[in-house]
Amino acid sequence: MLRYAAIDIGSNAVRLLIADINTSSKKPSFKKNTLIRVPLRLGDDAFLNKEISKKKQEDLYKTMLSFKNLMEVYRVEKYIACATSAMREAKNAAILIEKIKSEIGLTIEVVEGQQEANIIYANHIEESLDVKKSYLYVDVGGGSTELSVFEEKKLVASKSFNIGTIRILDNKDDKETWDEMHEWIKKHTKSLKHLAGIGTGGNINKLFRMSGKKEGQPLNILKLKALYHQLNALSLKERILQLKLNPDRADVIIPACDIYLTVLKWAGIKQIYVPRVGMVDGIINLLIEENLGYN
């Protein structure tokens, strides 16, 4: 069995996806085998202090060591490890990455915002889109939000903005960036008819599950607003106990919902599709394209 792995070192959580690659058909595909999520919250350090604290450096080191051991046990043939917004901003990221490489043997690449958008785009969501519609693809993370516009199944514009859930919780999002995002959305969507949204990221996945919608159905903006008000009416503790949310999901889900609602409102979008893919899925698809070709 051919296996690839993807590591996503995000601002809120660090993820490892081990995937089984199917090479028997003309177009290679993958099935998720194991997905592990560790809520390290590197963004709190990076956005507030511009560096990763000693404690979180140790936590990341131990996590990467565990991931390396797991990949060996699963006999993973190839992997890509990407670090995003938090590691982009931490001044000591390069030293930490070098230590992990020399002592553990894992290579980590810090990707720029546009690269991050490209990796998420590698999921080829456009293949399942309705050619009659245009789409705004919204991926919300802890440190940044990636937006991509599709018209007739083709990518026509893409940009990353430093607006994310951890940044908002830490009061490190600024009005200028929100204004820039507003202008970009206006510029790239105003001429588009039949515009729908596509949402990816752990928070929109959770919101979709909470909505009770069946997979493949779009989530209406009114339902998303209702969920937002429901979450806002509860304390953090109530969200954990009553809604059974993980503690590291219970606080970020509200700013995430706020970002999605704001983007949809600015673009005049009434419904959003949630395909439940993210950065790690995009990395696996990149590995398939690079090593097995993509038709």
Protein backbone atom coordinates (compact mmCIF):
# COMPACT_ATOMS: atom_id res chain seq x y z
CA MET A 1 0.00 0.00 0.00
CA LEU A 2 1.39 3.37 -1.08
CA ARG A 3 1.10 5.95 1.70
CA TYR A 4 1.75 9.71 1.74
CA ALA A 5 1.57 12.09 4.72
CA ALA A 6 0.77 15.77 5.16
CA ILE A 7 1.72 17.93 8.14
CA ASP A 8 0.05 21.32 8.60
CA ILE A 9 1.61 23.50 11.32
CA GLY A 10 -1.15 26.07 11.75
CA SER A 11 -1.71 28.96 14.13
CA ASN A 12 -4.32 27.09 16.17
CA ALA A 13 -3.56 23.40 15.65
CA VAL A 14 -0.96 21.08 14.12
CA ARG A 15 -2.29 18.24 11.98
CA LEU A 16 -0.93 15.02 10.55
CA LEU A 17 -2.86 13.23 7.80
CA ILE A 18 -1.68 9.80 6.67
CA ALA A 19 -3.39 8.82 3.42
CA ASP A 20 -3.63 5.59 1.43
CA ILE A 21 -3.04 6.30 -2.26
CA ASN A 22 -5.13 4.51 -4.85
CA THR A 23 -3.12 4.11 -8.07
CA SER A 24 -5.33 1.49 -9.73
CA SER A 25 -7.49 3.97 -11.65
CA LYS A 26 -6.40 6.41 -14.39
CA LYS A 27 -6.58 9.32 -11.97
CA PRO A 28 -4.83 8.62 -8.64
CA SER A 29 -6.90 9.36 -5.52
CA PHE A 30 -6.53 8.95 -1.78
CA LYS A 31 -8.42 7.70 1.25
CA LYS A 32 -7.78 9.18 4.69
CA ASN A 33 -6.19 6.58 6.93
CA THR A 34 -5.25 8.50 10.08
CA LEU A 35 -5.79 12.15 11.06
CA ILE A 36 -4.25 13.55 14.25
CA ARG A 37 -4.84 17.09 15.50
CA VAL A 38 -2.80 18.67 18.29
CA PRO A 39 -4.05 22.10 19.55
CA LEU A 40 -0.69 23.85 20.12
CA ARG A 41 -1.93 27.44 19.60
CA LEU A 42 1.37 28.73 18.19
CA GLY A 43 -0.48 31.86 17.05
CA ASP A 44 -0.85 33.18 20.61
CA ASP A 45 2.94 33.43 20.85
CA ALA A 46 3.61 34.55 17.30
CA PHE A 47 0.97 37.28 17.05
CA LEU A 48 1.47 38.69 20.57
CA ASN A 49 5.25 38.36 21.05
CA LYS A 50 6.54 37.71 17.51
CA GLU A 51 8.29 34.54 18.68
CA ILE A 52 7.49 31.00 19.82
CA SER A 53 7.92 30.57 23.60
CA LYS A 54 10.26 27.95 25.07
CA LYS A 55 7.31 25.84 26.25
CA LYS A 56 5.64 25.82 22.84
CA GLN A 57 8.95 25.15 21.11
CA GLU A 58 9.23 22.01 23.25
CA ASP A 59 5.62 21.04 22.49
CA LEU A 60 6.15 21.45 18.74
CA TYR A 61 9.41 19.48 18.91
CA LYS A 62 7.70 16.59 20.75
CA THR A 63 4.77 16.68 18.32
CA MET A 64 7.08 16.52 15.29
CA LEU A 65 9.04 13.65 16.88
CA SER A 66 5.76 11.76 17.43
CA PHE A 67 4.66 12.45 13.85
CA LYS A 68 8.02 11.22 12.51
CA ASN A 69 7.70 7.98 14.51
CA LEU A 70 4.10 7.46 13.33
CA MET A 71 5.06 8.01 9.69
CA GLU A 72 7.77 5.36 10.07
CA VAL A 73 5.34 2.88 11.66
CA TYR A 74 2.82 3.50 8.84
CA ARG A 75 5.64 3.18 6.27
CA VAL A 76 4.91 6.55 4.70
CA GLU A 77 6.81 6.92 1.44
CA LYS A 78 6.64 10.69 0.97
CA TYR A 79 5.50 13.65 3.04
CA ILE A 80 5.31 17.44 2.96
CA ALA A 81 5.30 19.51 6.16
CA CYS A 82 4.07 23.10 5.86
CA ALA A 83 3.98 25.87 8.45
CA THR A 84 1.68 28.84 7.92
CA SER A 85 0.83 32.21 9.47
CA ALA A 86 2.22 31.80 13.03
CA MET A 87 5.59 30.48 11.86
CA ARG A 88 5.73 33.17 9.15
CA GLU A 89 5.64 35.82 11.87
CA ALA A 90 7.74 34.20 14.61
CA LYS A 91 11.29 35.60 14.53
CA ASN A 92 12.74 32.38 15.97
CA ALA A 93 10.91 30.05 13.55
CA ALA A 94 14.00 29.41 11.39
CA ILE A 95 16.09 28.26 14.40
CA LEU A 96 13.31 25.93 15.58
CA ILE A 97 12.83 24.49 12.07
CA GLU A 98 16.59 23.88 11.75
CA LYS A 99 16.66 22.10 15.14
CA ILE A 100 13.75 19.84 14.07
CA LYS A 101 15.50 19.07 10.79
CA SER A 102 18.93 18.29 12.30
CA GLU A 103 17.70 16.33 15.34
CA ILE A 104 14.50 14.65 14.09
CA GLY A 105 15.11 14.60 10.35
CA LEU A 106 11.84 16.33 9.39
CA THR A 107 11.94 19.13 6.81
CA ILE A 108 9.41 21.91 7.37
CA GLU A 109 8.66 24.57 4.77
CA VAL A 110 7.23 27.93 5.85
CA VAL A 111 4.75 28.82 3.11
CA GLU A 112 3.69 32.34 2.17
CA GLY A 113 0.02 33.32 2.12
CA GLN A 114 -0.35 32.90 -1.63
CA GLN A 115 1.32 29.48 -1.48
CA GLU A 116 -1.12 28.52 1.27
CA ALA A 117 -4.04 29.48 -0.98
CA ASN A 118 -2.50 27.42 -3.81
CA ILE A 119 -2.19 24.33 -1.58
CA ILE A 120 -5.84 24.59 -0.55
CA TYR A 121 -6.72 25.10 -4.25
CA ALA A 122 -4.87 21.82 -5.03
CA ASN A 123 -7.98 20.04 -3.68
CA HIS A 124 -9.48 20.69 -7.14
CA ILE A 125 -12.88 21.64 -5.77
CA GLU A 126 -13.52 23.26 -9.18
CA GLU A 127 -14.04 19.80 -10.73
CA SER A 128 -17.27 19.28 -8.82
CA LEU A 129 -18.60 22.80 -9.37
CA ASP A 130 -21.62 23.82 -11.40
CA VAL A 131 -20.23 25.47 -14.53
CA LYS A 132 -23.19 27.90 -14.57
CA LYS A 133 -22.20 29.34 -11.18
CA SER A 134 -19.29 31.41 -9.93
CA TYR A 135 -17.75 30.68 -6.54
CA LEU A 136 -15.88 32.45 -3.79
CA TYR A 137 -13.71 29.94 -1.93
CA VAL A 138 -13.12 30.95 1.72
CA ASP A 139 -10.59 29.17 3.95
CA VAL A 140 -10.39 30.54 7.49
CA GLY A 141 -7.45 29.63 9.72
CA GLY A 142 -6.01 30.85 12.99
CA GLY A 143 -3.75 33.45 11.41
CA SER A 144 -5.04 34.09 7.91
CA THR A 145 -7.98 33.84 5.55
CA GLU A 146 -7.45 32.66 1.97
CA LEU A 147 -9.92 33.78 -0.70
CA SER A 148 -10.15 32.41 -4.25
CA VAL A 149 -12.64 33.25 -7.01
CA PHE A 150 -13.74 30.65 -9.57
CA GLU A 151 -15.58 31.49 -12.79
CA GLU A 152 -16.63 28.70 -15.17
CA LYS A 153 -14.53 26.23 -13.13
CA LYS A 154 -11.40 28.37 -13.61
CA LEU A 155 -9.44 30.14 -10.88
CA VAL A 156 -9.50 33.86 -11.74
CA ALA A 157 -8.21 35.51 -8.54
CA SER A 158 -6.69 34.46 -5.23
CA LYS A 159 -5.33 36.29 -2.16
CA SER A 160 -4.36 35.69 1.48
CA PHE A 161 -5.27 38.16 4.24
CA ASN A 162 -3.86 38.38 7.79
CA ILE A 163 -7.27 37.91 9.38
CA GLY A 164 -7.75 34.75 11.44
CA THR A 165 -9.45 33.39 14.55
CA ILE A 166 -6.44 33.51 16.90
CA ARG A 167 -5.49 36.97 15.59
CA ILE A 168 -9.00 38.23 16.41
CA LEU A 169 -8.99 36.63 19.89
CA ASP A 170 -5.61 38.29 20.54
CA ASN A 171 -6.83 41.65 19.12
CA LYS A 172 -4.13 41.51 16.46
CA ASP A 173 -6.40 41.98 13.43
CA ASP A 174 -6.39 45.53 12.09
CA LYS A 175 -9.01 47.63 10.33
CA GLU A 176 -6.75 48.26 7.31
CA THR A 177 -6.60 44.52 6.54
CA TRP A 178 -10.38 44.17 6.88
CA ASP A 179 -10.80 47.16 4.52
CA GLU A 180 -8.32 45.64 2.07
CA MET A 181 -10.25 42.37 2.10
CA HIS A 182 -13.54 44.23 1.58
CA GLU A 183 -12.12 46.07 -1.46
CA TRP A 184 -10.66 42.86 -2.92
CA ILE A 185 -13.99 41.03 -2.59
CA LYS A 186 -15.88 43.96 -4.15
CA LYS A 187 -13.44 44.18 -7.06
CA HIS A 188 -13.44 40.46 -7.90
CA THR A 189 -17.10 39.56 -7.30
CA LYS A 190 -19.19 42.59 -8.30
CA SER A 191 -19.59 41.49 -11.93
CA LEU A 192 -20.34 37.83 -11.11
CA LYS A 193 -23.85 36.39 -11.32
CA HIS A 194 -25.08 33.27 -9.49
CA LEU A 195 -22.26 33.55 -6.93
CA ALA A 196 -22.06 30.86 -4.24
CA GLY A 197 -19.57 30.26 -1.43
CA ILE A 198 -17.28 27.34 -0.66
CA GLY A 199 -16.02 27.14 2.91
CA THR A 200 -13.13 25.11 4.27
CA GLY A 201 -11.45 24.89 7.67
CA GLY A 202 -12.14 23.10 10.94
CA ASN A 203 -14.63 25.71 12.16
CA ILE A 204 -16.91 25.74 9.12
CA ASN A 205 -16.85 21.91 9.18
CA LYS A 206 -18.07 22.03 12.79
CA LEU A 207 -20.70 24.67 12.00
CA PHE A 208 -21.93 22.55 9.10
CA ARG A 209 -22.29 19.50 11.38
CA MET A 210 -24.13 21.64 13.93
CA SER A 211 -26.56 22.80 11.21
CA GLY A 212 -27.78 19.23 10.67
CA LYS A 213 -27.48 19.61 6.90
CA LYS A 214 -26.76 16.52 4.80
CA GLU A 215 -23.37 16.30 3.10
CA GLY A 216 -23.41 18.04 -0.27
CA GLN A 217 -26.21 20.44 0.69
CA PRO A 218 -25.35 24.14 0.95
CA LEU A 219 -25.51 25.99 4.25
CA ASN A 220 -27.82 28.99 4.09
CA ILE A 221 -26.44 32.31 5.40
CA LEU A 222 -29.55 32.71 7.60
CA LYS A 223 -28.81 29.35 9.26
CA LEU A 224 -25.17 30.40 9.73
CA LYS A 225 -26.36 33.64 11.37
CA ALA A 226 -28.67 31.67 13.67
CA LEU A 227 -25.75 29.41 14.71
CA TYR A 228 -23.62 32.52 15.33
CA HIS A 229 -26.28 33.99 17.66
CA GLN A 230 -26.73 30.62 19.41
CA LEU A 231 -22.97 30.36 20.07
CA ASN A 232 -22.71 34.00 21.17
CA ALA A 233 -25.54 33.55 23.69
CA LEU A 234 -23.52 30.90 25.54
CA SER A 235 -20.46 31.30 27.74
CA LEU A 236 -17.24 29.48 26.83
CA LYS A 237 -17.99 26.87 29.50
CA GLU A 238 -21.55 26.38 28.20
CA ARG A 239 -20.27 25.92 24.65
CA ILE A 240 -17.96 23.16 25.90
CA LEU A 241 -20.53 21.43 28.12
CA GLN A 242 -23.81 21.94 26.22
CA LEU A 243 -22.56 21.81 22.62
CA LYS A 244 -19.77 19.30 23.37
CA LEU A 245 -17.16 21.52 21.68
CA ASN A 246 -13.47 20.93 22.35
CA PRO A 247 -12.02 23.75 24.50
CA ASP A 248 -9.70 24.80 21.64
CA ARG A 249 -12.70 24.93 19.26
CA ALA A 250 -15.17 26.61 21.62
CA ASP A 251 -13.43 30.00 21.56
CA VAL A 252 -12.26 30.21 17.91
CA ILE A 253 -15.57 29.12 16.38
CA ILE A 254 -17.20 32.53 17.05
CA PRO A 255 -14.56 34.70 15.31
CA ALA A 256 -14.47 32.11 12.50
CA CYS A 257 -18.22 32.38 12.05
CA ASP A 258 -17.87 36.17 12.06
CA ILE A 259 -15.27 36.04 9.24
CA TYR A 260 -17.42 33.73 7.09
CA LEU A 261 -20.55 35.84 7.62
CA THR A 262 -18.68 39.08 6.83
CA VAL A 263 -17.14 37.69 3.64
CA LEU A 264 -20.48 36.25 2.46
CA LYS A 265 -22.26 39.54 3.18
CA TRP A 266 -19.64 41.61 1.32
CA ALA A 267 -19.88 39.28 -1.68
CA GLY A 268 -23.70 39.15 -1.58
CA ILE A 269 -23.64 35.36 -1.18
CA LYS A 270 -26.69 33.59 0.23
CA GLN A 271 -25.35 30.03 0.59
CA ILE A 272 -22.05 28.25 1.18
CA TYR A 273 -20.98 24.69 0.32
CA VAL A 274 -18.76 22.87 2.84
CA PRO A 275 -16.76 20.07 1.15
CA ARG A 276 -14.82 19.19 4.35
CA VAL A 277 -11.32 19.44 2.92
CA GLY A 278 -8.42 21.57 4.05
CA MET A 279 -4.71 22.21 4.00
CA VAL A 280 -3.67 18.59 4.69
CA ASP A 281 -5.90 17.30 1.88
CA GLY A 282 -4.34 19.85 -0.47
CA ILE A 283 -0.83 18.71 0.51
CA ILE A 284 -1.70 15.06 -0.26
CA ASN A 285 -3.09 16.14 -3.65
CA LEU A 286 0.14 18.06 -4.34
CA LEU A 287 2.17 14.94 -3.52
CA ILE A 288 0.01 12.90 -5.92
CA GLU A 289 0.45 15.51 -8.68
CA GLU A 290 4.21 15.74 -8.17
CA ASN A 291 4.86 12.00 -7.95
CA LEU A 292 2.08 10.27 -9.86
CA GLY A 293 0.82 12.90 -12.27
CA TYR A 294 -2.67 14.36 -12.40
CA ASN A 295 -5.03 14.01 -15.37
